Amino acid sequence: MARQTEQYPNGWPWLLAVTVYLSGKLLVRLMVTAGEYASRTTIWLDIFITIAVMWAAVHFARQVRAHPDSEPGRIAWANRLCGVAIVAGLGLLLLRLVPEHGWSTGHWSYDYRK
């Protein structure tokens, strides 16, 4: 039985959305100074959401690659967007580990007076 492309949705708009989300979140966390520490539940929830969105980027890129007949140029863009999403997600996870206040804030800089 042949696969019908109507049954499998194209993940192109979702791949674009999760890439913009992760990249934007990374830019905000790098440029905005944090003003307070987050609770432990919020920290772990944020880490889980970041990993889940990275997984979603890989999943949506696979969906785009599964339909090369729609537009062949999109496969290369899907690979690039997936790479950008993974690098942004890893950057968000590394922000938790690098600065001394990073685990609690998720931001590059922190100011308690803010």
PDB file of N, CA and C in Angstrom:
ATOM      1  N   MET A   1       0.848  -1.179   0.000  1.00  0.00           N
ATOM      2  CA  MET A   1       0.000   0.000   0.000  1.00  0.00           C
ATOM      3  C   MET A   1       0.896   1.246   0.000  1.00  0.00           C
ATOM      4  N   ALA A   2       0.655   2.141  -0.897  1.00  0.00           N
ATOM      5  CA  ALA A   2       1.457   3.360  -1.021  1.00  0.00           C
ATOM      6  C   ALA A   2       1.023   4.400   0.014  1.00  0.00           C
ATOM      7  N   ARG A   3       2.001   5.146   0.492  1.00  0.00           N
ATOM      8  CA  ARG A   3       1.668   6.207   1.449  1.00  0.00           C
ATOM      9  C   ARG A   3       1.036   7.370   0.721  1.00  0.00           C
ATOM     10  N   GLN A   4       0.010   7.910   1.320  1.00  0.00           N
ATOM     11  CA  GLN A   4      -0.634   9.087   0.756  1.00  0.00           C
ATOM     12  C   GLN A   4      -0.144  10.303   1.530  1.00  0.00           C
ATOM     13  N   THR A   5       0.244  11.325   0.800  1.00  0.00           N
ATOM     14  CA  THR A   5       0.799  12.501   1.460  1.00  0.00           C
ATOM     15  C   THR A   5      -0.260  13.297   2.214  1.00  0.00           C
ATOM     16  N   GLU A   6      -1.529  13.097   1.922  1.00  0.00           N
ATOM     17  CA  GLU A   6      -2.569  13.832   2.628  1.00  0.00           C
ATOM     18  C   GLU A   6      -2.683  13.367   4.076  1.00  0.00           C
ATOM     19  N   GLN A   7      -2.286  12.128   4.355  1.00  0.00           N
ATOM     20  CA  GLN A   7      -2.418  11.600   5.707  1.00  0.00           C
ATOM     21  C   GLN A   7      -1.316  12.112   6.638  1.00  0.00           C
ATOM     22  N   TYR A   8      -0.195  12.530   6.065  1.00  0.00           N
ATOM     23  CA  TYR A   8       0.931  12.961   6.854  1.00  0.00           C
ATOM     24  C   TYR A   8       1.105  14.462   6.710  1.00  0.00           C
ATOM     25  N   PRO A   9       0.892  15.204   7.783  1.00  0.00           N
ATOM     26  CA  PRO A   9       0.983  16.665   7.663  1.00  0.00           C
ATOM     27  C   PRO A   9       2.414  17.125   7.430  1.00  0.00           C
ATOM     28  N   ASN A  10       2.528  18.225   6.733  1.00  0.00           N
ATOM     29  CA  ASN A  10       3.817  18.823   6.481  1.00  0.00           C
ATOM     30  C   ASN A  10       4.223  19.641   7.713  1.00  0.00           C
ATOM     31  N   GLY A  11       5.416  19.396   8.227  1.00  0.00           N
ATOM     32  CA  GLY A  11       5.855  20.056   9.459  1.00  0.00           C
ATOM     33  C   GLY A  11       6.579  21.358   9.236  1.00  0.00           C
ATOM     34  N   TRP A  12       6.544  21.898   8.009  1.00  0.00           N
ATOM     35  CA  TRP A  12       7.295  23.113   7.700  1.00  0.00           C
ATOM     36  C   TRP A  12       6.935  24.304   8.584  1.00  0.00           C
ATOM     37  N   PRO A  13       5.653  24.681   8.730  1.00  0.00           N
ATOM     38  CA  PRO A  13       5.361  25.856   9.578  1.00  0.00           C
ATOM     39  C   PRO A  13       5.720  25.633  11.039  1.00  0.00           C
ATOM     40  N   TRP A  14       5.574  24.408  11.509  1.00  0.00           N
ATOM     41  CA  TRP A  14       5.917  24.126  12.907  1.00  0.00           C
ATOM     42  C   TRP A  14       7.419  24.149  13.134  1.00  0.00           C
ATOM     43  N   LEU A  15       8.174  23.679  12.158  1.00  0.00           N
ATOM     44  CA  LEU A  15       9.634  23.740  12.262  1.00  0.00           C
ATOM     45  C   LEU A  15      10.096  25.192  12.321  1.00  0.00           C
ATOM     46  N   LEU A  16       9.518  26.018  11.499  1.00  0.00           N
ATOM     47  CA  LEU A  16       9.845  27.439  11.520  1.00  0.00           C
ATOM     48  C   LEU A  16       9.469  28.066  12.867  1.00  0.00           C
ATOM     49  N   ALA A  17       8.321  27.681  13.403  1.00  0.00           N
ATOM     50  CA  ALA A  17       7.856  28.246  14.675  1.00  0.00           C
ATOM     51  C   ALA A  17       8.765  27.848  15.844  1.00  0.00           C
ATOM     52  N   VAL A  18       9.154  26.573  15.931  1.00  0.00           N
ATOM     53  CA  VAL A  18       9.991  26.172  17.060  1.00  0.00           C
ATOM     54  C   VAL A  18      11.402  26.737  16.931  1.00  0.00           C
ATOM     55  N   THR A  19      11.877  26.935  15.708  1.00  0.00           N
ATOM     56  CA  THR A  19      13.195  27.556  15.527  1.00  0.00           C
ATOM     57  C   THR A  19      13.171  29.009  15.975  1.00  0.00           C
ATOM     58  N   VAL A  20      12.122  29.732  15.595  1.00  0.00           N
ATOM     59  CA  VAL A  20      11.993  31.131  16.028  1.00  0.00           C
ATOM     60  C   VAL A  20      11.840  31.199  17.545  1.00  0.00           C
ATOM     61  N   TYR A  21      11.073  30.271  18.125  1.00  0.00           N
ATOM     62  CA  TYR A  21      10.874  30.256  19.580  1.00  0.00           C
ATOM     63  C   TYR A  21      12.195  30.053  20.323  1.00  0.00           C
ATOM     64  N   LEU A  22      12.944  29.019  19.940  1.00  0.00           N
ATOM     65  CA  LEU A  22      14.199  28.737  20.646  1.00  0.00           C
ATOM     66  C   LEU A  22      15.241  29.829  20.417  1.00  0.00           C
ATOM     67  N   SER A  23      15.334  30.328  19.197  1.00  0.00           N
ATOM     68  CA  SER A  23      16.307  31.391  18.910  1.00  0.00           C
ATOM     69  C   SER A  23      15.949  32.675  19.648  1.00  0.00           C
ATOM     70  N   GLY A  24      14.681  33.032  19.636  1.00  0.00           N
ATOM     71  CA  GLY A  24      14.238  34.230  20.348  1.00  0.00           C
ATOM     72  C   GLY A  24      14.439  34.120  21.845  1.00  0.00           C
ATOM     73  N   LYS A  25      14.148  32.940  22.390  1.00  0.00           N
ATOM     74  CA  LYS A  25      14.333  32.727  23.822  1.00  0.00           C
ATOM     75  C   LYS A  25      15.811  32.827  24.203  1.00  0.00           C
ATOM     76  N   LEU A  26      16.683  32.304  23.358  1.00  0.00           N
ATOM     77  CA  LEU A  26      18.114  32.403  23.629  1.00  0.00           C
ATOM     78  C   LEU A  26      18.580  33.857  23.584  1.00  0.00           C
ATOM     79  N   LEU A  27      18.133  34.598  22.586  1.00  0.00           N
ATOM     80  CA  LEU A  27      18.529  36.010  22.492  1.00  0.00           C
ATOM     81  C   LEU A  27      18.043  36.812  23.695  1.00  0.00           C
ATOM     82  N   VAL A  28      16.815  36.552  24.137  1.00  0.00           N
ATOM     83  CA  VAL A  28      16.291  37.263  25.312  1.00  0.00           C
ATOM     84  C   VAL A  28      17.102  36.917  26.543  1.00  0.00           C
ATOM     85  N   ARG A  29      17.417  35.641  26.712  1.00  0.00           N
ATOM     86  CA  ARG A  29      18.174  35.231  27.895  1.00  0.00           C
ATOM     87  C   ARG A  29      19.608  35.752  27.885  1.00  0.00           C
ATOM     88  N   LEU A  30      20.138  36.002  26.712  1.00  0.00           N
ATOM     89  CA  LEU A  30      21.485  36.567  26.635  1.00  0.00           C
ATOM     90  C   LEU A  30      21.491  38.071  26.865  1.00  0.00           C
ATOM     91  N   MET A  31      20.451  38.770  26.420  1.00  0.00           N
ATOM     92  CA  MET A  31      20.466  40.241  26.462  1.00  0.00           C
ATOM     93  C   MET A  31      19.750  40.836  27.668  1.00  0.00           C
ATOM     94  N   VAL A  32      18.781  40.149  28.231  1.00  0.00           N
ATOM     95  CA  VAL A  32      18.002  40.713  29.338  1.00  0.00           C
ATOM     96  C   VAL A  32      18.601  40.261  30.658  1.00  0.00           C
ATOM     97  N   THR A  33      18.751  41.206  31.573  1.00  0.00           N
ATOM     98  CA  THR A  33      19.272  40.900  32.903  1.00  0.00           C
ATOM     99  C   THR A  33      18.147  40.350  33.774  1.00  0.00           C
ATOM    100  N   ALA A  34      18.431  39.237  34.417  1.00  0.00           N
ATOM    101  CA  ALA A  34      17.433  38.626  35.298  1.00  0.00           C
ATOM    102  C   ALA A  34      17.357  39.403  36.601  1.00  0.00           C
ATOM    103  N   GLY A  35      16.181  39.434  37.192  1.00  0.00           N
ATOM    104  CA  GLY A  35      15.994  40.178  38.422  1.00  0.00           C
ATOM    105  C   GLY A  35      15.661  39.322  39.623  1.00  0.00           C
ATOM    106  N   GLU A  36      15.338  38.066  39.416  1.00  0.00           N
ATOM    107  CA  GLU A  36      15.006  37.201  40.545  1.00  0.00           C
ATOM    108  C   GLU A  36      15.306  35.755  40.180  1.00  0.00           C
ATOM    109  N   TYR A  37      15.449  34.940  41.220  1.00  0.00           N
ATOM    110  CA  TYR A  37      15.693  33.520  41.007  1.00  0.00           C
ATOM    111  C   TYR A  37      14.361  32.806  40.802  1.00  0.00           C
ATOM    112  N   ALA A  38      14.392  31.756  40.022  1.00  0.00           N
ATOM    113  CA  ALA A  38      13.184  30.964  39.788  1.00  0.00           C
ATOM    114  C   ALA A  38      13.124  29.818  40.807  1.00  0.00           C
ATOM    115  N   SER A  39      11.922  29.287  41.012  1.00  0.00           N
ATOM    116  CA  SER A  39      11.781  28.153  41.919  1.00  0.00           C
ATOM    117  C   SER A  39      12.313  26.889  41.246  1.00  0.00           C
ATOM    118  N   ARG A  40      12.539  25.844  42.040  1.00  0.00           N
ATOM    119  CA  ARG A  40      13.059  24.596  41.487  1.00  0.00           C
ATOM    120  C   ARG A  40      12.113  23.993  40.469  1.00  0.00           C
ATOM    121  N   THR A  41      10.837  24.069  40.734  1.00  0.00           N
ATOM    122  CA  THR A  41       9.848  23.525  39.798  1.00  0.00           C
ATOM    123  C   THR A  41       9.914  24.255  38.465  1.00  0.00           C
ATOM    124  N   THR A  42      10.035  25.550  38.503  1.00  0.00           N
ATOM    125  CA  THR A  42      10.121  26.344  37.275  1.00  0.00           C
ATOM    126  C   THR A  42      11.399  26.035  36.510  1.00  0.00           C
ATOM    127  N   ILE A  43      12.491  25.833  37.213  1.00  0.00           N
ATOM    128  CA  ILE A  43      13.759  25.500  36.566  1.00  0.00           C
ATOM    129  C   ILE A  43      13.636  24.188  35.802  1.00  0.00           C
ATOM    130  N   TRP A  44      13.149  23.152  36.470  1.00  0.00           N
ATOM    131  CA  TRP A  44      13.039  21.842  35.825  1.00  0.00           C
ATOM    132  C   TRP A  44      11.999  21.836  34.720  1.00  0.00           C
ATOM    133  N   LEU A  45      10.927  22.585  34.886  1.00  0.00           N
ATOM    134  CA  LEU A  45       9.922  22.686  33.836  1.00  0.00           C
ATOM    135  C   LEU A  45      10.497  23.382  32.604  1.00  0.00           C
ATOM    136  N   ASP A  46      11.278  24.419  32.799  1.00  0.00           N
ATOM    137  CA  ASP A  46      11.903  25.122  31.686  1.00  0.00           C
ATOM    138  C   ASP A  46      12.895  24.224  30.948  1.00  0.00           C
ATOM    139  N   ILE A  47      13.664  23.442  31.686  1.00  0.00           N
ATOM    140  CA  ILE A  47      14.605  22.509  31.061  1.00  0.00           C
ATOM    141  C   ILE A  47      13.851  21.455  30.261  1.00  0.00           C
ATOM    142  N   PHE A  48      12.785  20.927  30.822  1.00  0.00           N
ATOM    143  CA  PHE A  48      11.983  19.925  30.124  1.00  0.00           C
ATOM    144  C   PHE A  48      11.367  20.498  28.852  1.00  0.00           C
ATOM    145  N   ILE A  49      10.829  21.699  28.922  1.00  0.00           N
ATOM    146  CA  ILE A  49      10.211  22.327  27.746  1.00  0.00           C
ATOM    147  C   ILE A  49      11.261  22.573  26.664  1.00  0.00           C
ATOM    148  N   THR A  50      12.448  23.014  27.047  1.00  0.00           N
ATOM    149  CA  THR A  50      13.512  23.241  26.068  1.00  0.00           C
ATOM    150  C   THR A  50      13.889  21.944  25.357  1.00  0.00           C
ATOM    151  N   ILE A  51      14.048  20.869  26.103  1.00  0.00           N
ATOM    152  CA  ILE A  51      14.392  19.580  25.498  1.00  0.00           C
ATOM    153  C   ILE A  51      13.250  19.084  24.619  1.00  0.00           C
ATOM    154  N   ALA A  52      12.008  19.259  25.056  1.00  0.00           N
ATOM    155  CA  ALA A  52      10.863  18.816  24.261  1.00  0.00           C
ATOM    156  C   ALA A  52      10.748  19.598  22.947  1.00  0.00           C
ATOM    157  N   VAL A  53      11.018  20.884  22.994  1.00  0.00           N
ATOM    158  CA  VAL A  53      10.949  21.688  21.767  1.00  0.00           C
ATOM    159  C   VAL A  53      12.111  21.340  20.836  1.00  0.00           C
ATOM    160  N   MET A  54      13.270  21.008  21.375  1.00  0.00           N
ATOM    161  CA  MET A  54      14.374  20.541  20.527  1.00  0.00           C
ATOM    162  C   MET A  54      13.993  19.234  19.838  1.00  0.00           C
ATOM    163  N   TRP A  55      13.364  18.331  20.575  1.00  0.00           N
ATOM    164  CA  TRP A  55      12.899  17.076  19.983  1.00  0.00           C
ATOM    165  C   TRP A  55      11.860  17.355  18.906  1.00  0.00           C
ATOM    166  N   ALA A  56      10.966  18.308  19.156  1.00  0.00           N
ATOM    167  CA  ALA A  56       9.937  18.657  18.170  1.00  0.00           C
ATOM    168  C   ALA A  56      10.568  19.201  16.893  1.00  0.00           C
ATOM    169  N   ALA A  57      11.654  19.965  17.018  1.00  0.00           N
ATOM    170  CA  ALA A  57      12.332  20.486  15.825  1.00  0.00           C
ATOM    171  C   ALA A  57      12.871  19.344  14.975  1.00  0.00           C
ATOM    172  N   VAL A  58      13.444  18.342  15.605  1.00  0.00           N
ATOM    173  CA  VAL A  58      13.943  17.179  14.868  1.00  0.00           C
ATOM    174  C   VAL A  58      12.779  16.433  14.216  1.00  0.00           C
ATOM    175  N   HIS A  59      11.692  16.277  14.943  1.00  0.00           N
ATOM    176  CA  HIS A  59      10.515  15.580  14.419  1.00  0.00           C
ATOM    177  C   HIS A  59       9.921  16.308  13.205  1.00  0.00           C
ATOM    178  N   PHE A  60       9.775  17.619  13.294  1.00  0.00           N
ATOM    179  CA  PHE A  60       9.199  18.374  12.185  1.00  0.00           C
ATOM    180  C   PHE A  60      10.144  18.404  10.986  1.00  0.00           C
ATOM    181  N   ALA A  61      11.455  18.420  11.242  1.00  0.00           N
ATOM    182  CA  ALA A  61      12.407  18.357  10.130  1.00  0.00           C
ATOM    183  C   ALA A  61      12.301  17.014   9.416  1.00  0.00           C
ATOM    184  N   ARG A  62      12.071  15.950  10.163  1.00  0.00           N
ATOM    185  CA  ARG A  62      11.862  14.636   9.539  1.00  0.00           C
ATOM    186  C   ARG A  62      10.589  14.627   8.702  1.00  0.00           C
ATOM    187  N   GLN A  63       9.556  15.300   9.176  1.00  0.00           N
ATOM    188  CA  GLN A  63       8.322  15.366   8.391  1.00  0.00           C
ATOM    189  C   GLN A  63       8.549  16.097   7.078  1.00  0.00           C
ATOM    190  N   VAL A  64       9.316  17.168   7.102  1.00  0.00           N
ATOM    191  CA  VAL A  64       9.594  17.907   5.876  1.00  0.00           C
ATOM    192  C   VAL A  64      10.423  17.043   4.931  1.00  0.00           C
ATOM    193  N   ARG A  65      11.416  16.329   5.463  1.00  0.00           N
ATOM    194  CA  ARG A  65      12.262  15.473   4.629  1.00  0.00           C
ATOM    195  C   ARG A  65      11.492  14.281   4.072  1.00  0.00           C
ATOM    196  N   ALA A  66      10.392  13.896   4.699  1.00  0.00           N
ATOM    197  CA  ALA A  66       9.615  12.745   4.233  1.00  0.00           C
ATOM    198  C   ALA A  66       8.840  13.050   2.958  1.00  0.00           C
ATOM    199  N   HIS A  67       8.693  14.329   2.619  1.00  0.00           N
ATOM    200  CA  HIS A  67       7.930  14.737   1.428  1.00  0.00           C
ATOM    201  C   HIS A  67       8.799  15.581   0.503  1.00  0.00           C
ATOM    202  N   PRO A  68       9.793  14.969  -0.147  1.00  0.00           N
ATOM    203  CA  PRO A  68      10.670  15.763  -1.017  1.00  0.00           C
ATOM    204  C   PRO A  68       9.985  16.204  -2.301  1.00  0.00           C
ATOM    205  N   ASP A  69       8.856  15.586  -2.639  1.00  0.00           N
ATOM    206  CA  ASP A  69       8.184  15.941  -3.884  1.00  0.00           C
ATOM    207  C   ASP A  69       7.444  17.266  -3.796  1.00  0.00           C
ATOM    208  N   SER A  70       7.163  17.752  -2.572  1.00  0.00           N
ATOM    209  CA  SER A  70       6.427  19.014  -2.451  1.00  0.00           C
ATOM    210  C   SER A  70       7.271  20.191  -2.945  1.00  0.00           C
ATOM    211  N   GLU A  71       8.415  20.416  -2.345  1.00  0.00           N
ATOM    212  CA  GLU A  71       9.365  21.437  -2.790  1.00  0.00           C
ATOM    213  C   GLU A  71      10.760  20.965  -2.408  1.00  0.00           C
ATOM    214  N   PRO A  72      11.587  20.590  -3.373  1.00  0.00           N
ATOM    215  CA  PRO A  72      12.910  20.049  -3.046  1.00  0.00           C
ATOM    216  C   PRO A  72      13.811  21.018  -2.289  1.00  0.00           C
ATOM    217  N   GLY A  73      13.657  22.308  -2.486  1.00  0.00           N
ATOM    218  CA  GLY A  73      14.498  23.274  -1.792  1.00  0.00           C
ATOM    219  C   GLY A  73      14.239  23.352  -0.305  1.00  0.00           C
ATOM    220  N   ARG A  74      13.086  22.873   0.117  1.00  0.00           N
ATOM    221  CA  ARG A  74      12.756  22.946   1.545  1.00  0.00           C
ATOM    222  C   ARG A  74      13.550  21.958   2.387  1.00  0.00           C
ATOM    223  N   ILE A  75      14.055  20.912   1.788  1.00  0.00           N
ATOM    224  CA  ILE A  75      14.806  19.930   2.568  1.00  0.00           C
ATOM    225  C   ILE A  75      16.088  20.559   3.109  1.00  0.00           C
ATOM    226  N   ALA A  76      16.793  21.301   2.278  1.00  0.00           N
ATOM    227  CA  ALA A  76      18.010  21.968   2.745  1.00  0.00           C
ATOM    228  C   ALA A  76      17.691  23.005   3.816  1.00  0.00           C
ATOM    229  N   TRP A  77      16.613  23.751   3.621  1.00  0.00           N
ATOM    230  CA  TRP A  77      16.211  24.739   4.639  1.00  0.00           C
ATOM    231  C   TRP A  77      15.774  24.055   5.919  1.00  0.00           C
ATOM    232  N   ALA A  78      15.113  22.907   5.808  1.00  0.00           N
ATOM    233  CA  ALA A  78      14.700  22.165   7.006  1.00  0.00           C
ATOM    234  C   ALA A  78      15.916  21.708   7.796  1.00  0.00           C
ATOM    235  N   ASN A  79      16.949  21.255   7.096  1.00  0.00           N
ATOM    236  CA  ASN A  79      18.177  20.845   7.784  1.00  0.00           C
ATOM    237  C   ASN A  79      18.831  22.025   8.489  1.00  0.00           C
ATOM    238  N   ARG A  80      18.865  23.177   7.823  1.00  0.00           N
ATOM    239  CA  ARG A  80      19.460  24.378   8.448  1.00  0.00           C
ATOM    240  C   ARG A  80      18.651  24.840   9.653  1.00  0.00           C
ATOM    241  N   LEU A  81      17.333  24.893   9.494  1.00  0.00           N
ATOM    242  CA  LEU A  81      16.483  25.335  10.611  1.00  0.00           C
ATOM    243  C   LEU A  81      16.573  24.380  11.789  1.00  0.00           C
ATOM    244  N   CYS A  82      16.623  23.094  11.505  1.00  0.00           N
ATOM    245  CA  CYS A  82      16.761  22.114  12.580  1.00  0.00           C
ATOM    246  C   CYS A  82      18.094  22.304  13.297  1.00  0.00           C
ATOM    247  N   GLY A  83      19.153  22.563  12.549  1.00  0.00           N
ATOM    248  CA  GLY A  83      20.451  22.817  13.164  1.00  0.00           C
ATOM    249  C   GLY A  83      20.446  24.063  14.030  1.00  0.00           C
ATOM    250  N   VAL A  84      19.817  25.125  13.542  1.00  0.00           N
ATOM    251  CA  VAL A  84      19.724  26.365  14.327  1.00  0.00           C
ATOM    252  C   VAL A  84      18.921  26.127  15.601  1.00  0.00           C
ATOM    253  N   ALA A  85      17.836  25.368  15.502  1.00  0.00           N
ATOM    254  CA  ALA A  85      17.014  25.083  16.681  1.00  0.00           C
ATOM    255  C   ALA A  85      17.785  24.261  17.708  1.00  0.00           C
ATOM    256  N   ILE A  86      18.537  23.280  17.247  1.00  0.00           N
ATOM    257  CA  ILE A  86      19.314  22.446  18.174  1.00  0.00           C
ATOM    258  C   ILE A  86      20.420  23.271  18.845  1.00  0.00           C
ATOM    259  N   VAL A  87      21.110  24.100  18.079  1.00  0.00           N
ATOM    260  CA  VAL A  87      22.167  24.943  18.659  1.00  0.00           C
ATOM    261  C   VAL A  87      21.569  25.938  19.659  1.00  0.00           C
ATOM    262  N   ALA A  88      20.425  26.526  19.332  1.00  0.00           N
ATOM    263  CA  ALA A  88      19.780  27.461  20.267  1.00  0.00           C
ATOM    264  C   ALA A  88      19.330  26.735  21.534  1.00  0.00           C
ATOM    265  N   GLY A  89      18.784  25.536  21.389  1.00  0.00           N
ATOM    266  CA  GLY A  89      18.380  24.763  22.561  1.00  0.00           C
ATOM    267  C   GLY A  89      19.563  24.385  23.432  1.00  0.00           C
ATOM    268  N   LEU A  90      20.654  23.967  22.811  1.00  0.00           N
ATOM    269  CA  LEU A  90      21.856  23.660  23.587  1.00  0.00           C
ATOM    270  C   LEU A  90      22.413  24.912  24.262  1.00  0.00           C
ATOM    271  N   GLY A  91      22.308  26.057  23.580  1.00  0.00           N
ATOM    272  CA  GLY A  91      22.731  27.320  24.189  1.00  0.00           C
ATOM    273  C   GLY A  91      21.896  27.650  25.420  1.00  0.00           C
ATOM    274  N   LEU A  92      20.591  27.392  25.341  1.00  0.00           N
ATOM    275  CA  LEU A  92      19.738  27.629  26.505  1.00  0.00           C
ATOM    276  C   LEU A  92      20.104  26.706  27.668  1.00  0.00           C
ATOM    277  N   LEU A  93      20.398  25.452  27.341  1.00  0.00           N
ATOM    278  CA  LEU A  93      20.788  24.525  28.407  1.00  0.00           C
ATOM    279  C   LEU A  93      22.160  24.885  28.980  1.00  0.00           C
ATOM    280  N   LEU A  94      23.075  25.361  28.139  1.00  0.00           N
ATOM    281  CA  LEU A  94      24.399  25.765  28.627  1.00  0.00           C
ATOM    282  C   LEU A  94      24.329  27.021  29.495  1.00  0.00           C
ATOM    283  N   LEU A  95      23.367  27.896  29.223  1.00  0.00           N
ATOM    284  CA  LEU A  95      23.204  29.084  30.077  1.00  0.00           C
ATOM    285  C   LEU A  95      22.872  28.693  31.513  1.00  0.00           C
ATOM    286  N   ARG A  96      22.290  27.537  31.698  1.00  0.00           N
ATOM    287  CA  ARG A  96      22.000  27.055  33.053  1.00  0.00           C
ATOM    288  C   ARG A  96      23.270  26.624  33.776  1.00  0.00           C
ATOM    289  N   LEU A  97      24.307  26.272  33.020  1.00  0.00           N
ATOM    290  CA  LEU A  97      25.504  25.706  33.643  1.00  0.00           C
ATOM    291  C   LEU A  97      26.684  26.671  33.730  1.00  0.00           C
ATOM    292  N   VAL A  98      26.746  27.686  32.864  1.00  0.00           N
ATOM    293  CA  VAL A  98      27.962  28.491  32.764  1.00  0.00           C
ATOM    294  C   VAL A  98      28.065  29.573  33.836  1.00  0.00           C
ATOM    295  N   PRO A  99      27.167  30.576  33.884  1.00  0.00           N
ATOM    296  CA  PRO A  99      27.367  31.626  34.898  1.00  0.00           C
ATOM    297  C   PRO A  99      27.046  31.100  36.304  1.00  0.00           C
ATOM    298  N   GLU A 100      27.570  31.800  37.304  1.00  0.00           N
ATOM    299  CA  GLU A 100      27.358  31.333  38.689  1.00  0.00           C
ATOM    300  C   GLU A 100      25.889  31.390  39.107  1.00  0.00           C
ATOM    301  N   HIS A 101      25.109  32.271  38.539  1.00  0.00           N
ATOM    302  CA  HIS A 101      23.688  32.389  38.858  1.00  0.00           C
ATOM    303  C   HIS A 101      22.819  31.766  37.756  1.00  0.00           C
ATOM    304  N   GLY A 102      23.441  31.161  36.767  1.00  0.00           N
ATOM    305  CA  GLY A 102      22.723  30.656  35.602  1.00  0.00           C
ATOM    306  C   GLY A 102      21.731  29.558  35.914  1.00  0.00           C
ATOM    307  N   TRP A 103      22.063  28.675  36.858  1.00  0.00           N
ATOM    308  CA  TRP A 103      21.141  27.581  37.161  1.00  0.00           C
ATOM    309  C   TRP A 103      19.813  28.118  37.673  1.00  0.00           C
ATOM    310  N   SER A 104      19.853  29.145  38.475  1.00  0.00           N
ATOM    311  CA  SER A 104      18.630  29.666  39.076  1.00  0.00           C
ATOM    312  C   SER A 104      17.888  30.654  38.186  1.00  0.00           C
ATOM    313  N   THR A 105      18.591  31.324  37.281  1.00  0.00           N
ATOM    314  CA  THR A 105      17.915  32.336  36.466  1.00  0.00           C
ATOM    315  C   THR A 105      17.749  31.929  35.011  1.00  0.00           C
ATOM    316  N   GLY A 106      18.706  31.207  34.460  1.00  0.00           N
ATOM    317  CA  GLY A 106      18.667  30.871  33.044  1.00  0.00           C
ATOM    318  C   GLY A 106      19.108  32.013  32.154  1.00  0.00           C
ATOM    319  N   HIS A 107      19.570  33.098  32.747  1.00  0.00           N
ATOM    320  CA  HIS A 107      20.034  34.273  32.008  1.00  0.00           C
ATOM    321  C   HIS A 107      21.547  34.397  32.129  1.00  0.00           C
ATOM    322  N   TRP A 108      22.143  35.157  31.218  1.00  0.00           N
ATOM    323  CA  TRP A 108      23.583  35.371  31.253  1.00  0.00           C
ATOM    324  C   TRP A 108      23.967  36.309  32.387  1.00  0.00           C
ATOM    325  N   SER A 109      23.142  37.319  32.646  1.00  0.00           N
ATOM    326  CA  SER A 109      23.474  38.282  33.699  1.00  0.00           C
ATOM    327  C   SER A 109      22.347  38.345  34.720  1.00  0.00           C
ATOM    328  N   TYR A 110      22.710  38.742  35.928  1.00  0.00           N
ATOM    329  CA  TYR A 110      21.755  38.826  37.038  1.00  0.00           C
ATOM    330  C   TYR A 110      22.067  40.053  37.857  1.00  0.00           C
ATOM    331  N   ASP A 111      21.023  40.763  38.281  1.00  0.00           N
ATOM    332  CA  ASP A 111      21.173  41.918  39.144  1.00  0.00           C
ATOM    333  C   ASP A 111      20.084  41.835  40.202  1.00  0.00           C
ATOM    334  N   TYR A 112      20.453  41.663  41.463  1.00  0.00           N
ATOM    335  CA  TYR A 112      19.471  41.510  42.525  1.00  0.00           C
ATOM    336  C   TYR A 112      18.703  42.791  42.809  1.00  0.00           C
ATOM    337  N   ARG A 113      19.229  43.953  42.381  1.00  0.00           N
ATOM    338  CA  ARG A 113      18.565  45.239  42.641  1.00  0.00           C
ATOM    339  C   ARG A 113      17.475  45.536  41.639  1.00  0.00           C
ATOM    340  N   LYS A 114      17.365  44.728  40.636  1.00  0.00           N
ATOM    341  CA  LYS A 114      16.386  45.004  39.575  1.00  0.00           C
ATOM    342  C   LYS A 114      14.969  44.735  40.014  1.00  0.00           C
TER     343      LYS A 114
END
